[in-house]
Amino acid sequence: MAPTSYPQRPCREPLFDIDPRTGFNIEVFFADRALETFGRCGAGWFWWSRRRGYPPSGPAAGPFPTSYAAYRHAMTIDA
């Protein structure tokens, strides 16, 4: 019997992906006021180039209002 619902990612869990055009690794994540250390104005979704298990290779871009907006922005950047 097929499941009636599919498991979903927790609401604010980071998303790791690889840009299919460039092979560029990205991480999309949420930072709120308690985690705000990027010198930006407010909480929101950010992205940066990062291999899982390693530090980021540059500064975070954002904040964006949704994880999808941050992801789409990351996909428009030429590496």
PDB file of N, CA and C in Angstrom:
ATOM      1  N   MET A   1       0.843  -1.171   0.000  1.00  0.00           N
ATOM      2  CA  MET A   1       0.000   0.000   0.000  1.00  0.00           C
ATOM      3  C   MET A   1       0.894   1.242   0.000  1.00  0.00           C
ATOM      4  N   ALA A   2       0.599   2.201  -0.825  1.00  0.00           N
ATOM      5  CA  ALA A   2       1.389   3.431  -0.940  1.00  0.00           C
ATOM      6  C   ALA A   2       1.112   4.343   0.251  1.00  0.00           C
ATOM      7  N   PRO A   3       2.133   5.067   0.710  1.00  0.00           N
ATOM      8  CA  PRO A   3       1.910   5.992   1.819  1.00  0.00           C
ATOM      9  C   PRO A   3       0.977   7.122   1.404  1.00  0.00           C
ATOM     10  N   THR A   4       0.199   7.617   2.352  1.00  0.00           N
ATOM     11  CA  THR A   4      -0.753   8.691   2.047  1.00  0.00           C
ATOM     12  C   THR A   4      -0.106  10.065   2.107  1.00  0.00           C
ATOM     13  N   SER A   5       1.030  10.159   2.747  1.00  0.00           N
ATOM     14  CA  SER A   5       1.736  11.441   2.779  1.00  0.00           C
ATOM     15  C   SER A   5       3.234  11.172   2.680  1.00  0.00           C
ATOM     16  N   TYR A   6       3.946  12.147   2.160  1.00  0.00           N
ATOM     17  CA  TYR A   6       5.379  12.009   2.009  1.00  0.00           C
ATOM     18  C   TYR A   6       6.079  12.795   3.104  1.00  0.00           C
ATOM     19  N   PRO A   7       7.173  12.259   3.636  1.00  0.00           N
ATOM     20  CA  PRO A   7       7.885  13.003   4.671  1.00  0.00           C
ATOM     21  C   PRO A   7       8.422  14.308   4.088  1.00  0.00           C
ATOM     22  N   GLN A   8       8.374  15.358   4.873  1.00  0.00           N
ATOM     23  CA  GLN A   8       8.862  16.657   4.434  1.00  0.00           C
ATOM     24  C   GLN A   8      10.022  17.090   5.298  1.00  0.00           C
ATOM     25  N   ARG A   9      10.837  17.960   4.734  1.00  0.00           N
ATOM     26  CA  ARG A   9      11.932  18.551   5.486  1.00  0.00           C
ATOM     27  C   ARG A   9      11.353  19.412   6.601  1.00  0.00           C
ATOM     28  N   PRO A  10      11.947  19.382   7.789  1.00  0.00           N
ATOM     29  CA  PRO A  10      11.495  20.305   8.826  1.00  0.00           C
ATOM     30  C   PRO A  10      11.558  21.744   8.319  1.00  0.00           C
ATOM     31  N   CYS A  11      10.722  22.584   8.834  1.00  0.00           N
ATOM     32  CA  CYS A  11      10.509  23.946   8.341  1.00  0.00           C
ATOM     33  C   CYS A  11      11.787  24.747   8.100  1.00  0.00           C
ATOM     34  N   ARG A  12      12.729  24.720   9.003  1.00  0.00           N
ATOM     35  CA  ARG A  12      13.908  25.572   8.865  1.00  0.00           C
ATOM     36  C   ARG A  12      15.217  24.794   8.794  1.00  0.00           C
ATOM     37  N   GLU A  13      15.148  23.572   8.348  1.00  0.00           N
ATOM     38  CA  GLU A  13      16.357  22.766   8.181  1.00  0.00           C
ATOM     39  C   GLU A  13      17.104  23.239   6.930  1.00  0.00           C
ATOM     40  N   PRO A  14      18.436  23.311   6.981  1.00  0.00           N
ATOM     41  CA  PRO A  14      19.196  23.747   5.799  1.00  0.00           C
ATOM     42  C   PRO A  14      18.989  22.806   4.614  1.00  0.00           C
ATOM     43  N   LEU A  15      19.096  23.385   3.434  1.00  0.00           N
ATOM     44  CA  LEU A  15      18.993  22.641   2.189  1.00  0.00           C
ATOM     45  C   LEU A  15      20.340  22.697   1.483  1.00  0.00           C
ATOM     46  N   PHE A  16      20.864  21.557   1.101  1.00  0.00           N
ATOM     47  CA  PHE A  16      22.106  21.485   0.338  1.00  0.00           C
ATOM     48  C   PHE A  16      21.757  21.066  -1.077  1.00  0.00           C
ATOM     49  N   ASP A  17      22.379  21.707  -2.062  1.00  0.00           N
ATOM     50  CA  ASP A  17      22.130  21.342  -3.455  1.00  0.00           C
ATOM     51  C   ASP A  17      23.369  21.655  -4.280  1.00  0.00           C
ATOM     52  N   ILE A  18      23.399  21.112  -5.478  1.00  0.00           N
ATOM     53  CA  ILE A  18      24.486  21.364  -6.413  1.00  0.00           C
ATOM     54  C   ILE A  18      23.880  21.956  -7.679  1.00  0.00           C
ATOM     55  N   ASP A  19      24.384  23.113  -8.105  1.00  0.00           N
ATOM     56  CA  ASP A  19      23.900  23.748  -9.327  1.00  0.00           C
ATOM     57  C   ASP A  19      24.247  22.823 -10.497  1.00  0.00           C
ATOM     58  N   PRO A  20      23.252  22.359 -11.247  1.00  0.00           N
ATOM     59  CA  PRO A  20      23.523  21.407 -12.332  1.00  0.00           C
ATOM     60  C   PRO A  20      24.351  22.003 -13.474  1.00  0.00           C
ATOM     61  N   ARG A  21      24.316  23.320 -13.646  1.00  0.00           N
ATOM     62  CA  ARG A  21      25.080  23.954 -14.727  1.00  0.00           C
ATOM     63  C   ARG A  21      26.549  24.101 -14.377  1.00  0.00           C
ATOM     64  N   THR A  22      26.833  24.449 -13.113  1.00  0.00           N
ATOM     65  CA  THR A  22      28.205  24.803 -12.734  1.00  0.00           C
ATOM     66  C   THR A  22      28.870  23.807 -11.792  1.00  0.00           C
ATOM     67  N   GLY A  23      28.076  22.941 -11.138  1.00  0.00           N
ATOM     68  CA  GLY A  23      28.631  22.037 -10.145  1.00  0.00           C
ATOM     69  C   GLY A  23      28.903  22.735  -8.821  1.00  0.00           C
ATOM     70  N   PHE A  24      28.431  23.969  -8.681  1.00  0.00           N
ATOM     71  CA  PHE A  24      28.606  24.811  -7.516  1.00  0.00           C
ATOM     72  C   PHE A  24      27.766  24.272  -6.363  1.00  0.00           C
ATOM     73  N   ASN A  25      28.355  24.023  -5.183  1.00  0.00           N
ATOM     74  CA  ASN A  25      27.628  23.548  -4.003  1.00  0.00           C
ATOM     75  C   ASN A  25      27.052  24.735  -3.258  1.00  0.00           C
ATOM     76  N   ILE A  26      25.757  24.642  -2.873  1.00  0.00           N
ATOM     77  CA  ILE A  26      25.136  25.719  -2.110  1.00  0.00           C
ATOM     78  C   ILE A  26      24.434  25.153  -0.880  1.00  0.00           C
ATOM     79  N   GLU A  27      24.292  26.021   0.116  1.00  0.00           N
ATOM     80  CA  GLU A  27      23.493  25.724   1.299  1.00  0.00           C
ATOM     81  C   GLU A  27      22.528  26.881   1.484  1.00  0.00           C
ATOM     82  N   VAL A  28      21.235  26.580   1.605  1.00  0.00           N
ATOM     83  CA  VAL A  28      20.199  27.571   1.895  1.00  0.00           C
ATOM     84  C   VAL A  28      19.786  27.335   3.343  1.00  0.00           C
ATOM     85  N   PHE A  29      19.779  28.410   4.156  1.00  0.00           N
ATOM     86  CA  PHE A  29      19.490  28.252   5.582  1.00  0.00           C
ATOM     87  C   PHE A  29      18.769  29.476   6.119  1.00  0.00           C
ATOM     88  N   PHE A  30      18.097  29.305   7.258  1.00  0.00           N
ATOM     89  CA  PHE A  30      17.380  30.390   7.928  1.00  0.00           C
ATOM     90  C   PHE A  30      18.199  30.889   9.096  1.00  0.00           C
ATOM     91  N   ALA A  31      18.284  32.204   9.236  1.00  0.00           N
ATOM     92  CA  ALA A  31      18.939  32.809  10.404  1.00  0.00           C
ATOM     93  C   ALA A  31      17.968  33.813  11.010  1.00  0.00           C
ATOM     94  N   ASP A  32      17.699  33.678  12.305  1.00  0.00           N
ATOM     95  CA  ASP A  32      16.817  34.640  12.981  1.00  0.00           C
ATOM     96  C   ASP A  32      17.657  35.598  13.810  1.00  0.00           C
ATOM     97  N   ARG A  33      17.027  36.472  14.532  1.00  0.00           N
ATOM     98  CA  ARG A  33      17.743  37.489  15.310  1.00  0.00           C
ATOM     99  C   ARG A  33      18.742  36.863  16.284  1.00  0.00           C
ATOM    100  N   ALA A  34      18.409  35.692  16.841  1.00  0.00           N
ATOM    101  CA  ALA A  34      19.323  35.040  17.783  1.00  0.00           C
ATOM    102  C   ALA A  34      20.592  34.555  17.085  1.00  0.00           C
ATOM    103  N   LEU A  35      20.497  34.252  15.795  1.00  0.00           N
ATOM    104  CA  LEU A  35      21.640  33.748  15.032  1.00  0.00           C
ATOM    105  C   LEU A  35      22.262  34.810  14.132  1.00  0.00           C
ATOM    106  N   GLU A  36      21.736  36.011  14.170  1.00  0.00           N
ATOM    107  CA  GLU A  36      22.161  37.057  13.254  1.00  0.00           C
ATOM    108  C   GLU A  36      23.614  37.455  13.503  1.00  0.00           C
ATOM    109  N   THR A  37      24.495  37.033  12.627  1.00  0.00           N
ATOM    110  CA  THR A  37      25.919  37.358  12.743  1.00  0.00           C
ATOM    111  C   THR A  37      26.499  37.782  11.400  1.00  0.00           C
ATOM    112  N   PHE A  38      25.636  38.019  10.433  1.00  0.00           N
ATOM    113  CA  PHE A  38      26.106  38.304   9.088  1.00  0.00           C
ATOM    114  C   PHE A  38      26.167  39.793   8.769  1.00  0.00           C
ATOM    115  N   GLY A  39      25.846  40.663   9.747  1.00  0.00           N
ATOM    116  CA  GLY A  39      25.879  42.092   9.500  1.00  0.00           C
ATOM    117  C   GLY A  39      24.763  42.552   8.585  1.00  0.00           C
ATOM    118  N   ARG A  40      23.698  41.771   8.455  1.00  0.00           N
ATOM    119  CA  ARG A  40      22.563  42.129   7.608  1.00  0.00           C
ATOM    120  C   ARG A  40      21.456  42.720   8.478  1.00  0.00           C
ATOM    121  N   CYS A  41      20.466  43.266   7.844  1.00  0.00           N
ATOM    122  CA  CYS A  41      19.373  43.916   8.573  1.00  0.00           C
ATOM    123  C   CYS A  41      18.183  42.972   8.712  1.00  0.00           C
ATOM    124  N   GLY A  42      18.216  42.106   9.670  1.00  0.00           N
ATOM    125  CA  GLY A  42      17.066  41.281   9.962  1.00  0.00           C
ATOM    126  C   GLY A  42      17.243  39.802   9.702  1.00  0.00           C
ATOM    127  N   ALA A  43      16.211  39.082  10.093  1.00  0.00           N
ATOM    128  CA  ALA A  43      16.192  37.636   9.939  1.00  0.00           C
ATOM    129  C   ALA A  43      15.676  37.274   8.563  1.00  0.00           C
ATOM    130  N   GLY A  44      15.931  36.057   8.146  1.00  0.00           N
ATOM    131  CA  GLY A  44      15.423  35.577   6.869  1.00  0.00           C
ATOM    132  C   GLY A  44      16.226  34.404   6.364  1.00  0.00           C
ATOM    133  N   TRP A  45      16.019  34.083   5.107  1.00  0.00           N
ATOM    134  CA  TRP A  45      16.700  32.975   4.453  1.00  0.00           C
ATOM    135  C   TRP A  45      17.943  33.498   3.758  1.00  0.00           C
ATOM    136  N   PHE A  46      19.039  32.761   3.871  1.00  0.00           N
ATOM    137  CA  PHE A  46      20.320  33.114   3.278  1.00  0.00           C
ATOM    138  C   PHE A  46      20.829  31.918   2.482  1.00  0.00           C
ATOM    139  N   TRP A  47      21.829  32.157   1.649  1.00  0.00           N
ATOM    140  CA  TRP A  47      22.523  31.057   0.976  1.00  0.00           C
ATOM    141  C   TRP A  47      23.993  31.416   0.866  1.00  0.00           C
ATOM    142  N   TRP A  48      24.807  30.379   0.775  1.00  0.00           N
ATOM    143  CA  TRP A  48      26.234  30.561   0.513  1.00  0.00           C
ATOM    144  C   TRP A  48      26.778  29.303  -0.132  1.00  0.00           C
ATOM    145  N   SER A  49      27.946  29.452  -0.716  1.00  0.00           N
ATOM    146  CA  SER A  49      28.624  28.314  -1.318  1.00  0.00           C
ATOM    147  C   SER A  49      29.288  27.527  -0.189  1.00  0.00           C
ATOM    148  N   ARG A  50      28.981  26.232  -0.136  1.00  0.00           N
ATOM    149  CA  ARG A  50      29.533  25.434   0.962  1.00  0.00           C
ATOM    150  C   ARG A  50      29.431  23.952   0.653  1.00  0.00           C
ATOM    151  N   ARG A  51      30.490  23.233   0.931  1.00  0.00           N
ATOM    152  CA  ARG A  51      30.436  21.776   0.897  1.00  0.00           C
ATOM    153  C   ARG A  51      30.003  21.292   2.271  1.00  0.00           C
ATOM    154  N   ARG A  52      29.155  20.297   2.304  1.00  0.00           N
ATOM    155  CA  ARG A  52      28.677  19.766   3.579  1.00  0.00           C
ATOM    156  C   ARG A  52      29.858  19.302   4.419  1.00  0.00           C
ATOM    157  N   GLY A  53      29.919  19.766   5.673  1.00  0.00           N
ATOM    158  CA  GLY A  53      30.997  19.387   6.575  1.00  0.00           C
ATOM    159  C   GLY A  53      32.194  20.320   6.538  1.00  0.00           C
ATOM    160  N   TYR A  54      32.165  21.333   5.670  1.00  0.00           N
ATOM    161  CA  TYR A  54      33.263  22.293   5.551  1.00  0.00           C
ATOM    162  C   TYR A  54      32.741  23.704   5.774  1.00  0.00           C
ATOM    163  N   PRO A  55      33.624  24.634   6.136  1.00  0.00           N
ATOM    164  CA  PRO A  55      33.164  26.015   6.317  1.00  0.00           C
ATOM    165  C   PRO A  55      32.765  26.633   4.976  1.00  0.00           C
ATOM    166  N   PRO A  56      31.930  27.678   5.008  1.00  0.00           N
ATOM    167  CA  PRO A  56      31.526  28.335   3.763  1.00  0.00           C
ATOM    168  C   PRO A  56      32.718  28.952   3.043  1.00  0.00           C
ATOM    169  N   SER A  57      32.609  29.043   1.723  1.00  0.00           N
ATOM    170  CA  SER A  57      33.713  29.599   0.943  1.00  0.00           C
ATOM    171  C   SER A  57      33.565  31.101   0.690  1.00  0.00           C
ATOM    172  N   GLY A  58      32.565  31.732   1.265  1.00  0.00           N
ATOM    173  CA  GLY A  58      32.367  33.170   1.100  1.00  0.00           C
ATOM    174  C   GLY A  58      31.249  33.662   1.991  1.00  0.00           C
ATOM    175  N   PRO A  59      30.925  34.952   1.888  1.00  0.00           N
ATOM    176  CA  PRO A  59      29.863  35.507   2.725  1.00  0.00           C
ATOM    177  C   PRO A  59      28.481  35.022   2.293  1.00  0.00           C
ATOM    178  N   ALA A  60      27.528  35.089   3.219  1.00  0.00           N
ATOM    179  CA  ALA A  60      26.152  34.693   2.938  1.00  0.00           C
ATOM    180  C   ALA A  60      25.438  35.782   2.143  1.00  0.00           C
ATOM    181  N   ALA A  61      24.568  35.371   1.221  1.00  0.00           N
ATOM    182  CA  ALA A  61      23.724  36.304   0.471  1.00  0.00           C
ATOM    183  C   ALA A  61      22.333  36.274   1.085  1.00  0.00           C
ATOM    184  N   GLY A  62      21.727  37.432   1.279  1.00  0.00           N
ATOM    185  CA  GLY A  62      20.383  37.499   1.854  1.00  0.00           C
ATOM    186  C   GLY A  62      20.243  38.704   2.742  1.00  0.00           C
ATOM    187  N   PRO A  63      19.187  38.827   3.458  1.00  0.00           N
ATOM    188  CA  PRO A  63      18.124  37.847   3.671  1.00  0.00           C
ATOM    189  C   PRO A  63      17.080  37.866   2.556  1.00  0.00           C
ATOM    190  N   PHE A  64      16.422  36.720   2.382  1.00  0.00           N
ATOM    191  CA  PHE A  64      15.332  36.555   1.437  1.00  0.00           C
ATOM    192  C   PHE A  64      14.091  36.170   2.232  1.00  0.00           C
ATOM    193  N   PRO A  65      12.892  36.488   1.728  1.00  0.00           N
ATOM    194  CA  PRO A  65      11.670  36.205   2.500  1.00  0.00           C
ATOM    195  C   PRO A  65      11.321  34.724   2.594  1.00  0.00           C
ATOM    196  N   THR A  66      11.768  33.916   1.627  1.00  0.00           N
ATOM    197  CA  THR A  66      11.459  32.486   1.637  1.00  0.00           C
ATOM    198  C   THR A  66      12.701  31.688   1.253  1.00  0.00           C
ATOM    199  N   SER A  67      12.697  30.407   1.590  1.00  0.00           N
ATOM    200  CA  SER A  67      13.811  29.540   1.191  1.00  0.00           C
ATOM    201  C   SER A  67      13.852  29.405  -0.328  1.00  0.00           C
ATOM    202  N   TYR A  68      12.677  29.409  -0.957  1.00  0.00           N
ATOM    203  CA  TYR A  68      12.632  29.304  -2.417  1.00  0.00           C
ATOM    204  C   TYR A  68      13.264  30.526  -3.076  1.00  0.00           C
ATOM    205  N   ALA A  69      13.010  31.719  -2.543  1.00  0.00           N
ATOM    206  CA  ALA A  69      13.614  32.940  -3.094  1.00  0.00           C
ATOM    207  C   ALA A  69      15.137  32.887  -2.971  1.00  0.00           C
ATOM    208  N   ALA A  70      15.639  32.415  -1.854  1.00  0.00           N
ATOM    209  CA  ALA A  70      17.088  32.298  -1.672  1.00  0.00           C
ATOM    210  C   ALA A  70      17.662  31.270  -2.646  1.00  0.00           C
ATOM    211  N   TYR A  71      16.983  30.145  -2.804  1.00  0.00           N
ATOM    212  CA  TYR A  71      17.431  29.099  -3.719  1.00  0.00           C
ATOM    213  C   TYR A  71      17.447  29.611  -5.157  1.00  0.00           C
ATOM    214  N   ARG A  72      16.386  30.276  -5.575  1.00  0.00           N
ATOM    215  CA  ARG A  72      16.319  30.803  -6.940  1.00  0.00           C
ATOM    216  C   ARG A  72      17.430  31.822  -7.187  1.00  0.00           C
ATOM    217  N   HIS A  73      17.713  32.664  -6.194  1.00  0.00           N
ATOM    218  CA  HIS A  73      18.799  33.637  -6.338  1.00  0.00           C
ATOM    219  C   HIS A  73      20.125  32.918  -6.498  1.00  0.00           C
ATOM    220  N   ALA A  74      20.356  31.889  -5.723  1.00  0.00           N
ATOM    221  CA  ALA A  74      21.604  31.124  -5.829  1.00  0.00           C
ATOM    222  C   ALA A  74      21.746  30.495  -7.210  1.00  0.00           C
ATOM    223  N   MET A  75      20.644  30.071  -7.811  1.00  0.00           N
ATOM    224  CA  MET A  75      20.697  29.431  -9.117  1.00  0.00           C
ATOM    225  C   MET A  75      20.937  30.435 -10.246  1.00  0.00           C
ATOM    226  N   THR A  76      20.790  31.734  -9.978  1.00  0.00           N
ATOM    227  CA  THR A  76      21.006  32.745 -11.014  1.00  0.00           C
ATOM    228  C   THR A  76      22.423  33.302 -10.988  1.00  0.00           C
ATOM    229  N   ILE A  77      23.206  32.955  -9.989  1.00  0.00           N
ATOM    230  CA  ILE A  77      24.579  33.449  -9.848  1.00  0.00           C
ATOM    231  C   ILE A  77      25.498  32.584 -10.695  1.00  0.00           C
ATOM    232  N   ASP A  78      26.331  33.219 -11.492  1.00  0.00           N
ATOM    233  CA  ASP A  78      27.330  32.480 -12.273  1.00  0.00           C
ATOM    234  C   ASP A  78      28.572  32.296 -11.430  1.00  0.00           C
ATOM    235  N   ALA A  79      28.993  31.064 -11.287  1.00  0.00           N
ATOM    236  CA  ALA A  79      30.192  30.771 -10.504  1.00  0.00           C
ATOM    237  C   ALA A  79      31.432  30.952 -11.337  1.00  0.00           C
TER     238      ALA A  79
END
